[in-house]
Amino acid sequence: MSNIIIPFRANLLQSLGCTSNLTNDFSILFDGVDDYLNLGNGVSFEYTDSFSYSFWVNPNAVSGLKVLYAKFDASRGIYMYLSSPNPTGFNTLNFNLYNTNSGSTATRKRITTNAGANVLPSVWTNLVITYDGSGLGTGINVYKNGVSETVTVTQDNLQNGTIINTQDSYLNSFNGISSFYGGGTDEFAMFDYSLTAAEAADIYGCGKATDLSLLATPPIAWYRMGDLVTAFPTIPDVIGTNDGTVFNENEATMIVPDVP
């Protein structure tokens, strides 16, 4: 009997029968120029709260700094972005918590976490960021495709004050102004607790998006992105009441049949 050679595939798990408990047909494609998703001010966290975020991302190309999420004013808030000195991939995921960015390092309150996430272009990657409410960088964890990433933390001072409760949240841009991410985004969710390593692995599953409502404690906001959209530019929160609104794009070019 002759040998059978099976070519290597990046999505080998799917080719071997990986299945998901979620019907997922569409994602949102951001152009990286000026379109973004405004999620309003329905979800706010403080430094004393535990919380988590989960994304599926599929960047178009690698260049500079690209924001995934921001809820930030001039000096306070939360934002996270991909950056890359390496032209082959976004090799750093940055997660930042600011109480104040003014004054010297002895007085300002800031945590900056860098994880070597190595997010490649044209590949769907799941990113999970968790924070335990301790006010310490050691309370932050980053997972890529369900696996814990090594993080490097810079902390100016103990976090112990208000982040911000008046600023809207923005997906894939810095407050709808700059650093626009270009590429696919799917199944964005916010949790009011710190996900465990096991839960991060469950979200990744076997490489396909999973039904987050089946988690022991579901997210408080979940955006299916391209799925379940009935009145574009509104992107529904399918588990809460914090619907988002797309700006500077149309449905025909933004909702695409490319999914994790």
C-alpha atoms as a PDB file:
ATOM      1  CA  MET A   1       0.000   0.000   0.000  1.00  0.00           C
ATOM      2  CA  SER A   2       1.406   3.385  -0.951  1.00  0.00           C
ATOM      3  CA  ASN A   3       1.885   6.072   1.654  1.00  0.00           C
ATOM      4  CA  ILE A   4      -0.767   8.782   1.897  1.00  0.00           C
ATOM      5  CA  ILE A   5       0.622  12.267   2.354  1.00  0.00           C
ATOM      6  CA  ILE A   6      -1.638  14.820   4.002  1.00  0.00           C
ATOM      7  CA  PRO A   7      -0.468  18.402   3.384  1.00  0.00           C
ATOM      8  CA  PHE A   8      -0.059  20.598   6.470  1.00  0.00           C
ATOM      9  CA  ARG A   9      -2.858  23.100   7.071  1.00  0.00           C
ATOM     10  CA  ALA A  10      -2.933  25.961   9.567  1.00  0.00           C
ATOM     11  CA  ASN A  11      -6.473  25.004  10.480  1.00  0.00           C
ATOM     12  CA  LEU A  12      -5.614  21.346  11.006  1.00  0.00           C
ATOM     13  CA  LEU A  13      -8.046  21.010  13.912  1.00  0.00           C
ATOM     14  CA  GLN A  14     -10.929  22.089  11.704  1.00  0.00           C
ATOM     15  CA  SER A  15      -9.880  19.674   8.974  1.00  0.00           C
ATOM     16  CA  LEU A  16      -9.919  16.845  11.510  1.00  0.00           C
ATOM     17  CA  GLY A  17     -13.495  17.517  12.534  1.00  0.00           C
ATOM     18  CA  CYS A  18     -13.345  20.466  14.920  1.00  0.00           C
ATOM     19  CA  THR A  19     -16.901  21.615  15.533  1.00  0.00           C
ATOM     20  CA  SER A  20     -18.432  24.573  17.355  1.00  0.00           C
ATOM     21  CA  ASN A  21     -21.604  24.906  19.384  1.00  0.00           C
ATOM     22  CA  LEU A  22     -22.219  28.283  17.724  1.00  0.00           C
ATOM     23  CA  THR A  23     -23.669  29.120  14.322  1.00  0.00           C
ATOM     24  CA  ASN A  24     -21.312  31.800  13.095  1.00  0.00           C
ATOM     25  CA  ASP A  25     -21.599  33.021   9.516  1.00  0.00           C
ATOM     26  CA  PHE A  26     -20.351  36.610   9.450  1.00  0.00           C
ATOM     27  CA  SER A  27     -17.763  38.938  10.952  1.00  0.00           C
ATOM     28  CA  ILE A  28     -17.116  42.669  10.564  1.00  0.00           C
ATOM     29  CA  LEU A  29     -14.318  43.894   8.313  1.00  0.00           C
ATOM     30  CA  PHE A  30     -12.825  47.239   9.362  1.00  0.00           C
ATOM     31  CA  ASP A  31     -11.035  49.214   6.637  1.00  0.00           C
ATOM     32  CA  GLY A  32      -8.273  50.601   8.871  1.00  0.00           C
ATOM     33  CA  VAL A  33      -8.888  54.118   7.531  1.00  0.00           C
ATOM     34  CA  ASP A  34     -11.785  55.705   9.397  1.00  0.00           C
ATOM     35  CA  ASP A  35     -14.515  53.214  10.338  1.00  0.00           C
ATOM     36  CA  TYR A  36     -15.141  52.100  13.903  1.00  0.00           C
ATOM     37  CA  LEU A  37     -17.761  50.784  16.310  1.00  0.00           C
ATOM     38  CA  ASN A  38     -19.049  52.990  19.134  1.00  0.00           C
ATOM     39  CA  LEU A  39     -20.337  50.843  22.016  1.00  0.00           C
ATOM     40  CA  GLY A  40     -21.648  53.722  24.124  1.00  0.00           C
ATOM     41  CA  ASN A  41     -21.214  54.065  27.864  1.00  0.00           C
ATOM     42  CA  GLY A  42     -23.323  51.139  29.023  1.00  0.00           C
ATOM     43  CA  VAL A  43     -20.410  49.140  30.478  1.00  0.00           C
ATOM     44  CA  SER A  44     -17.908  50.769  32.834  1.00  0.00           C
ATOM     45  CA  PHE A  45     -15.271  49.244  35.095  1.00  0.00           C
ATOM     46  CA  GLU A  46     -13.167  50.639  37.919  1.00  0.00           C
ATOM     47  CA  TYR A  47      -9.699  49.632  39.119  1.00  0.00           C
ATOM     48  CA  THR A  48     -11.325  47.789  42.002  1.00  0.00           C
ATOM     49  CA  ASP A  49     -13.504  45.730  39.640  1.00  0.00           C
ATOM     50  CA  SER A  50     -12.468  42.469  38.077  1.00  0.00           C
ATOM     51  CA  PHE A  51     -13.208  42.254  34.362  1.00  0.00           C
ATOM     52  CA  SER A  52     -12.215  40.585  31.091  1.00  0.00           C
ATOM     53  CA  TYR A  53     -12.373  41.112  27.333  1.00  0.00           C
ATOM     54  CA  SER A  54     -12.402  38.570  24.528  1.00  0.00           C
ATOM     55  CA  PHE A  55     -11.852  39.180  20.800  1.00  0.00           C
ATOM     56  CA  TRP A  56     -11.364  37.235  17.624  1.00  0.00           C
ATOM     57  CA  VAL A  57      -9.156  39.296  15.286  1.00  0.00           C
ATOM     58  CA  ASN A  58      -7.870  38.797  11.755  1.00  0.00           C
ATOM     59  CA  PRO A  59      -5.634  41.758  10.791  1.00  0.00           C
ATOM     60  CA  ASN A  60      -5.309  42.789   7.151  1.00  0.00           C
ATOM     61  CA  ALA A  61      -1.682  43.822   7.413  1.00  0.00           C
ATOM     62  CA  VAL A  62       0.975  44.753   9.931  1.00  0.00           C
ATOM     63  CA  SER A  63       1.866  48.390  10.503  1.00  0.00           C
ATOM     64  CA  GLY A  64       2.398  50.557  13.564  1.00  0.00           C
ATOM     65  CA  LEU A  65      -0.097  50.745  16.403  1.00  0.00           C
ATOM     66  CA  LYS A  66      -3.684  49.518  15.941  1.00  0.00           C
ATOM     67  CA  VAL A  67      -6.277  49.954  18.700  1.00  0.00           C
ATOM     68  CA  LEU A  68      -8.608  47.067  19.515  1.00  0.00           C
ATOM     69  CA  TYR A  69     -10.596  48.753  22.302  1.00  0.00           C
ATOM     70  CA  ALA A  70     -10.547  52.147  24.021  1.00  0.00           C
ATOM     71  CA  LYS A  71     -12.538  53.806  26.796  1.00  0.00           C
ATOM     72  CA  PHE A  72     -10.293  56.731  27.552  1.00  0.00           C
ATOM     73  CA  ASP A  73     -10.231  60.497  28.024  1.00  0.00           C
ATOM     74  CA  ALA A  74      -7.181  62.737  28.230  1.00  0.00           C
ATOM     75  CA  SER A  75      -5.596  60.816  31.107  1.00  0.00           C
ATOM     76  CA  ARG A  76      -7.878  58.100  32.499  1.00  0.00           C
ATOM     77  CA  GLY A  77      -9.342  54.875  31.215  1.00  0.00           C
ATOM     78  CA  ILE A  78      -8.688  51.537  29.536  1.00  0.00           C
ATOM     79  CA  TYR A  79      -7.290  50.818  26.130  1.00  0.00           C
ATOM     80  CA  MET A  80      -5.603  47.958  24.365  1.00  0.00           C
ATOM     81  CA  TYR A  81      -3.802  47.773  21.069  1.00  0.00           C
ATOM     82  CA  LEU A  82      -1.589  45.701  18.812  1.00  0.00           C
ATOM     83  CA  SER A  83       1.851  46.994  17.902  1.00  0.00           C
ATOM     84  CA  SER A  84       4.691  45.599  15.898  1.00  0.00           C
ATOM     85  CA  PRO A  85       8.319  46.420  15.259  1.00  0.00           C
ATOM     86  CA  ASN A  86       8.302  43.104  13.395  1.00  0.00           C
ATOM     87  CA  PRO A  87       6.937  43.327   9.808  1.00  0.00           C
ATOM     88  CA  THR A  88       5.742  39.711   9.831  1.00  0.00           C
ATOM     89  CA  GLY A  89       3.213  40.032  12.667  1.00  0.00           C
ATOM     90  CA  PHE A  90       1.806  42.109  15.517  1.00  0.00           C
ATOM     91  CA  ASN A  91       4.125  40.641  18.096  1.00  0.00           C
ATOM     92  CA  THR A  92       2.923  42.756  21.028  1.00  0.00           C
ATOM     93  CA  LEU A  93      -0.512  43.087  22.614  1.00  0.00           C
ATOM     94  CA  ASN A  94      -0.658  46.085  24.945  1.00  0.00           C
ATOM     95  CA  PHE A  95      -3.237  46.443  27.729  1.00  0.00           C
ATOM     96  CA  ASN A  96      -3.268  49.718  29.655  1.00  0.00           C
ATOM     97  CA  LEU A  97      -5.078  50.941  32.771  1.00  0.00           C
ATOM     98  CA  TYR A  98      -4.787  54.622  33.691  1.00  0.00           C
ATOM     99  CA  ASN A  99      -6.071  56.493  36.742  1.00  0.00           C
ATOM    100  CA  THR A 100      -4.063  59.526  35.744  1.00  0.00           C
ATOM    101  CA  ASN A 101      -1.291  59.994  33.215  1.00  0.00           C
ATOM    102  CA  SER A 102      -0.297  63.394  34.572  1.00  0.00           C
ATOM    103  CA  GLY A 103       2.572  64.234  36.897  1.00  0.00           C
ATOM    104  CA  SER A 104       5.697  62.254  37.627  1.00  0.00           C
ATOM    105  CA  THR A 105       5.960  58.486  37.789  1.00  0.00           C
ATOM    106  CA  ALA A 106       5.830  58.840  41.575  1.00  0.00           C
ATOM    107  CA  THR A 107       2.279  60.243  41.461  1.00  0.00           C
ATOM    108  CA  ARG A 108       0.582  59.013  38.291  1.00  0.00           C
ATOM    109  CA  LYS A 109      -1.281  55.732  38.406  1.00  0.00           C
ATOM    110  CA  ARG A 110      -0.756  53.552  35.374  1.00  0.00           C
ATOM    111  CA  ILE A 111      -0.350  49.883  34.517  1.00  0.00           C
ATOM    112  CA  THR A 112       1.018  48.964  31.108  1.00  0.00           C
ATOM    113  CA  THR A 113       1.128  45.291  30.182  1.00  0.00           C
ATOM    114  CA  ASN A 114       2.912  43.980  27.107  1.00  0.00           C
ATOM    115  CA  ALA A 115       2.373  40.412  25.927  1.00  0.00           C
ATOM    116  CA  GLY A 116       4.232  38.757  23.065  1.00  0.00           C
ATOM    117  CA  ALA A 117       1.012  37.730  21.364  1.00  0.00           C
ATOM    118  CA  ASN A 118       2.423  37.340  17.806  1.00  0.00           C
ATOM    119  CA  VAL A 119      -0.864  38.038  16.019  1.00  0.00           C
ATOM    120  CA  LEU A 120      -0.323  37.277  12.348  1.00  0.00           C
ATOM    121  CA  PRO A 121      -2.076  38.938   9.405  1.00  0.00           C
ATOM    122  CA  SER A 122      -4.746  36.964   7.545  1.00  0.00           C
ATOM    123  CA  VAL A 123      -5.098  34.505  10.442  1.00  0.00           C
ATOM    124  CA  TRP A 124      -7.951  34.430  12.961  1.00  0.00           C
ATOM    125  CA  THR A 125      -6.612  34.712  16.528  1.00  0.00           C
ATOM    126  CA  ASN A 126      -8.500  34.718  19.816  1.00  0.00           C
ATOM    127  CA  LEU A 127      -7.280  37.174  22.451  1.00  0.00           C
ATOM    128  CA  VAL A 128      -8.501  37.204  26.058  1.00  0.00           C
ATOM    129  CA  ILE A 129      -7.399  39.858  28.574  1.00  0.00           C
ATOM    130  CA  THR A 130      -8.306  39.515  32.268  1.00  0.00           C
ATOM    131  CA  TYR A 131      -7.885  41.745  35.324  1.00  0.00           C
ATOM    132  CA  ASP A 132      -8.613  40.793  38.943  1.00  0.00           C
ATOM    133  CA  GLY A 133      -9.343  44.214  40.490  1.00  0.00           C
ATOM    134  CA  SER A 134      -6.241  44.217  42.669  1.00  0.00           C
ATOM    135  CA  GLY A 135      -4.757  47.424  41.271  1.00  0.00           C
ATOM    136  CA  LEU A 136      -1.609  45.455  40.448  1.00  0.00           C
ATOM    137  CA  GLY A 137      -0.039  44.435  37.188  1.00  0.00           C
ATOM    138  CA  THR A 138       0.270  40.923  38.557  1.00  0.00           C
ATOM    139  CA  GLY A 139      -3.519  40.769  38.397  1.00  0.00           C
ATOM    140  CA  ILE A 140      -3.504  40.936  34.591  1.00  0.00           C
ATOM    141  CA  ASN A 141      -3.390  37.874  32.344  1.00  0.00           C
ATOM    142  CA  VAL A 142      -3.342  37.586  28.569  1.00  0.00           C
ATOM    143  CA  TYR A 143      -4.306  34.484  26.598  1.00  0.00           C
ATOM    144  CA  LYS A 144      -3.799  33.826  22.908  1.00  0.00           C
ATOM    145  CA  ASN A 145      -5.826  30.979  21.450  1.00  0.00           C
ATOM    146  CA  GLY A 146      -6.536  29.703  24.947  1.00  0.00           C
ATOM    147  CA  VAL A 147      -2.892  29.654  26.049  1.00  0.00           C
ATOM    148  CA  SER A 148      -1.403  31.988  28.654  1.00  0.00           C
ATOM    149  CA  GLU A 149       1.077  34.528  27.295  1.00  0.00           C
ATOM    150  CA  THR A 150       4.118  35.844  29.134  1.00  0.00           C
ATOM    151  CA  VAL A 151       3.514  39.475  30.096  1.00  0.00           C
ATOM    152  CA  THR A 152       5.857  42.327  30.973  1.00  0.00           C
ATOM    153  CA  VAL A 153       4.359  44.897  33.352  1.00  0.00           C
ATOM    154  CA  THR A 154       5.276  48.539  33.923  1.00  0.00           C
ATOM    155  CA  GLN A 155       3.484  50.057  36.921  1.00  0.00           C
ATOM    156  CA  ASP A 156       3.936  53.626  38.129  1.00  0.00           C
ATOM    157  CA  ASN A 157       1.805  53.353  41.250  1.00  0.00           C
ATOM    158  CA  LEU A 158      -0.946  51.355  42.911  1.00  0.00           C
ATOM    159  CA  GLN A 159      -4.277  51.829  41.170  1.00  0.00           C
ATOM    160  CA  ASN A 160      -6.899  53.078  43.622  1.00  0.00           C
ATOM    161  CA  GLY A 161      -9.200  55.580  41.936  1.00  0.00           C
ATOM    162  CA  THR A 162     -11.833  56.124  39.284  1.00  0.00           C
ATOM    163  CA  ILE A 163     -11.024  55.094  35.728  1.00  0.00           C
ATOM    164  CA  ILE A 164     -13.850  56.969  33.965  1.00  0.00           C
ATOM    165  CA  ASN A 165     -17.621  56.583  33.814  1.00  0.00           C
ATOM    166  CA  THR A 166     -18.553  59.197  31.212  1.00  0.00           C
ATOM    167  CA  GLN A 167     -16.530  58.220  28.143  1.00  0.00           C
ATOM    168  CA  ASP A 168     -17.986  55.987  25.408  1.00  0.00           C
ATOM    169  CA  SER A 169     -16.249  52.728  24.493  1.00  0.00           C
ATOM    170  CA  TYR A 170     -14.814  52.318  21.005  1.00  0.00           C
ATOM    171  CA  LEU A 171     -13.889  49.214  19.121  1.00  0.00           C
ATOM    172  CA  ASN A 172     -11.003  49.279  16.627  1.00  0.00           C
ATOM    173  CA  SER A 173     -10.018  52.933  17.006  1.00  0.00           C
ATOM    174  CA  PHE A 174      -8.805  55.342  19.661  1.00  0.00           C
ATOM    175  CA  ASN A 175     -12.104  57.061  20.527  1.00  0.00           C
ATOM    176  CA  GLY A 176     -13.138  57.189  16.863  1.00  0.00           C
ATOM    177  CA  ILE A 177     -10.236  59.510  16.081  1.00  0.00           C
ATOM    178  CA  SER A 178      -7.017  57.636  15.295  1.00  0.00           C
ATOM    179  CA  SER A 179      -5.030  54.371  15.267  1.00  0.00           C
ATOM    180  CA  PHE A 180      -7.721  52.563  13.253  1.00  0.00           C
ATOM    181  CA  TYR A 181      -7.391  48.789  13.147  1.00  0.00           C
ATOM    182  CA  GLY A 182      -7.880  47.218   9.737  1.00  0.00           C
ATOM    183  CA  GLY A 183      -9.127  43.655   9.380  1.00  0.00           C
ATOM    184  CA  GLY A 184     -11.714  41.248  10.695  1.00  0.00           C
ATOM    185  CA  THR A 185     -13.194  41.329  14.198  1.00  0.00           C
ATOM    186  CA  ASP A 186     -15.672  38.826  15.577  1.00  0.00           C
ATOM    187  CA  GLU A 187     -17.369  37.777  18.814  1.00  0.00           C
ATOM    188  CA  PHE A 188     -16.261  40.673  21.025  1.00  0.00           C
ATOM    189  CA  ALA A 189     -17.358  40.229  24.639  1.00  0.00           C
ATOM    190  CA  MET A 190     -16.982  41.973  28.006  1.00  0.00           C
ATOM    191  CA  PHE A 191     -17.146  40.130  31.338  1.00  0.00           C
ATOM    192  CA  ASP A 192     -17.596  41.551  34.829  1.00  0.00           C
ATOM    193  CA  TYR A 193     -15.177  39.047  36.325  1.00  0.00           C
ATOM    194  CA  SER A 194     -11.669  37.749  35.708  1.00  0.00           C
ATOM    195  CA  LEU A 195     -11.826  34.740  33.415  1.00  0.00           C
ATOM    196  CA  THR A 196      -9.804  31.712  34.497  1.00  0.00           C
ATOM    197  CA  ALA A 197      -7.283  29.927  32.303  1.00  0.00           C
ATOM    198  CA  ALA A 198      -9.802  27.119  31.823  1.00  0.00           C
ATOM    199  CA  GLU A 199     -12.493  29.583  30.715  1.00  0.00           C
ATOM    200  CA  ALA A 200     -10.095  31.245  28.273  1.00  0.00           C
ATOM    201  CA  ALA A 201      -9.381  27.809  26.819  1.00  0.00           C
ATOM    202  CA  ASP A 202     -13.121  27.123  26.570  1.00  0.00           C
ATOM    203  CA  ILE A 203     -13.655  30.351  24.633  1.00  0.00           C
ATOM    204  CA  TYR A 204     -11.004  29.343  22.103  1.00  0.00           C
ATOM    205  CA  GLY A 205     -12.390  25.801  21.961  1.00  0.00           C
ATOM    206  CA  CYS A 206     -10.760  23.933  19.120  1.00  0.00           C
ATOM    207  CA  GLY A 207     -10.130  26.988  16.997  1.00  0.00           C
ATOM    208  CA  LYS A 208     -13.667  28.128  16.212  1.00  0.00           C
ATOM    209  CA  ALA A 209     -15.833  30.727  17.932  1.00  0.00           C
ATOM    210  CA  THR A 210     -17.947  29.240  20.721  1.00  0.00           C
ATOM    211  CA  ASP A 211     -21.288  30.071  22.346  1.00  0.00           C
ATOM    212  CA  LEU A 212     -20.369  32.404  25.210  1.00  0.00           C
ATOM    213  CA  SER A 213     -23.839  32.169  26.717  1.00  0.00           C
ATOM    214  CA  LEU A 214     -22.989  28.602  27.760  1.00  0.00           C
ATOM    215  CA  LEU A 215     -20.176  29.685  30.077  1.00  0.00           C
ATOM    216  CA  ALA A 216     -20.915  29.184  33.780  1.00  0.00           C
ATOM    217  CA  THR A 217     -21.033  32.976  34.039  1.00  0.00           C
ATOM    218  CA  PRO A 218     -21.804  34.518  30.630  1.00  0.00           C
ATOM    219  CA  PRO A 219     -20.473  37.911  29.511  1.00  0.00           C
ATOM    220  CA  ILE A 220     -22.414  41.068  30.337  1.00  0.00           C
ATOM    221  CA  ALA A 221     -22.065  42.300  26.737  1.00  0.00           C
ATOM    222  CA  TRP A 222     -21.517  40.209  23.600  1.00  0.00           C
ATOM    223  CA  TYR A 223     -21.343  41.466  20.037  1.00  0.00           C
ATOM    224  CA  ARG A 224     -21.731  38.789  17.362  1.00  0.00           C
ATOM    225  CA  MET A 225     -20.521  41.474  14.970  1.00  0.00           C
ATOM    226  CA  GLY A 226     -21.789  40.336  11.539  1.00  0.00           C
ATOM    227  CA  ASP A 227     -24.377  37.869  12.829  1.00  0.00           C
ATOM    228  CA  LEU A 228     -27.860  38.849  14.051  1.00  0.00           C
ATOM    229  CA  VAL A 229     -27.621  42.341  12.539  1.00  0.00           C
ATOM    230  CA  THR A 230     -31.119  43.474  11.546  1.00  0.00           C
ATOM    231  CA  ALA A 231     -30.811  47.265  11.419  1.00  0.00           C
ATOM    232  CA  PHE A 232     -27.325  48.286  10.278  1.00  0.00           C
ATOM    233  CA  PRO A 233     -25.421  50.377  11.411  1.00  0.00           C
ATOM    234  CA  THR A 234     -26.630  49.013  14.784  1.00  0.00           C
ATOM    235  CA  ILE A 235     -24.571  46.062  16.005  1.00  0.00           C
ATOM    236  CA  PRO A 236     -26.664  44.355  18.688  1.00  0.00           C
ATOM    237  CA  ASP A 237     -25.492  43.293  22.094  1.00  0.00           C
ATOM    238  CA  VAL A 238     -27.032  39.833  21.999  1.00  0.00           C
ATOM    239  CA  ILE A 239     -26.802  39.184  25.721  1.00  0.00           C
ATOM    240  CA  GLY A 240     -27.266  42.664  27.230  1.00  0.00           C
ATOM    241  CA  THR A 241     -28.759  46.011  26.217  1.00  0.00           C
ATOM    242  CA  ASN A 242     -25.660  47.929  25.112  1.00  0.00           C
ATOM    243  CA  ASP A 243     -26.013  47.986  21.341  1.00  0.00           C
ATOM    244  CA  GLY A 244     -23.190  49.512  19.303  1.00  0.00           C
ATOM    245  CA  THR A 245     -23.218  51.774  16.244  1.00  0.00           C
ATOM    246  CA  VAL A 246     -20.912  51.597  13.229  1.00  0.00           C
ATOM    247  CA  PHE A 247     -19.566  54.827  11.742  1.00  0.00           C
ATOM    248  CA  ASN A 248     -18.143  55.593   8.277  1.00  0.00           C
ATOM    249  CA  GLU A 249     -18.982  52.267   6.619  1.00  0.00           C
ATOM    250  CA  ASN A 250     -21.802  50.458   4.834  1.00  0.00           C
ATOM    251  CA  GLU A 251     -23.268  47.026   5.424  1.00  0.00           C
ATOM    252  CA  ALA A 252     -22.420  45.586   1.996  1.00  0.00           C
ATOM    253  CA  THR A 253     -18.669  45.996   2.428  1.00  0.00           C
ATOM    254  CA  MET A 254     -18.403  45.629   6.195  1.00  0.00           C
ATOM    255  CA  ILE A 255     -20.321  42.433   7.009  1.00  0.00           C
ATOM    256  CA  VAL A 256     -18.425  39.570   5.399  1.00  0.00           C
ATOM    257  CA  PRO A 257     -18.640  35.729   5.400  1.00  0.00           C
ATOM    258  CA  ASP A 258     -15.200  35.237   6.925  1.00  0.00           C
ATOM    259  CA  VAL A 259     -15.245  33.806  10.443  1.00  0.00           C
ATOM    260  CA  PRO A 260     -13.100  31.972  12.972  1.00  0.00           C
END
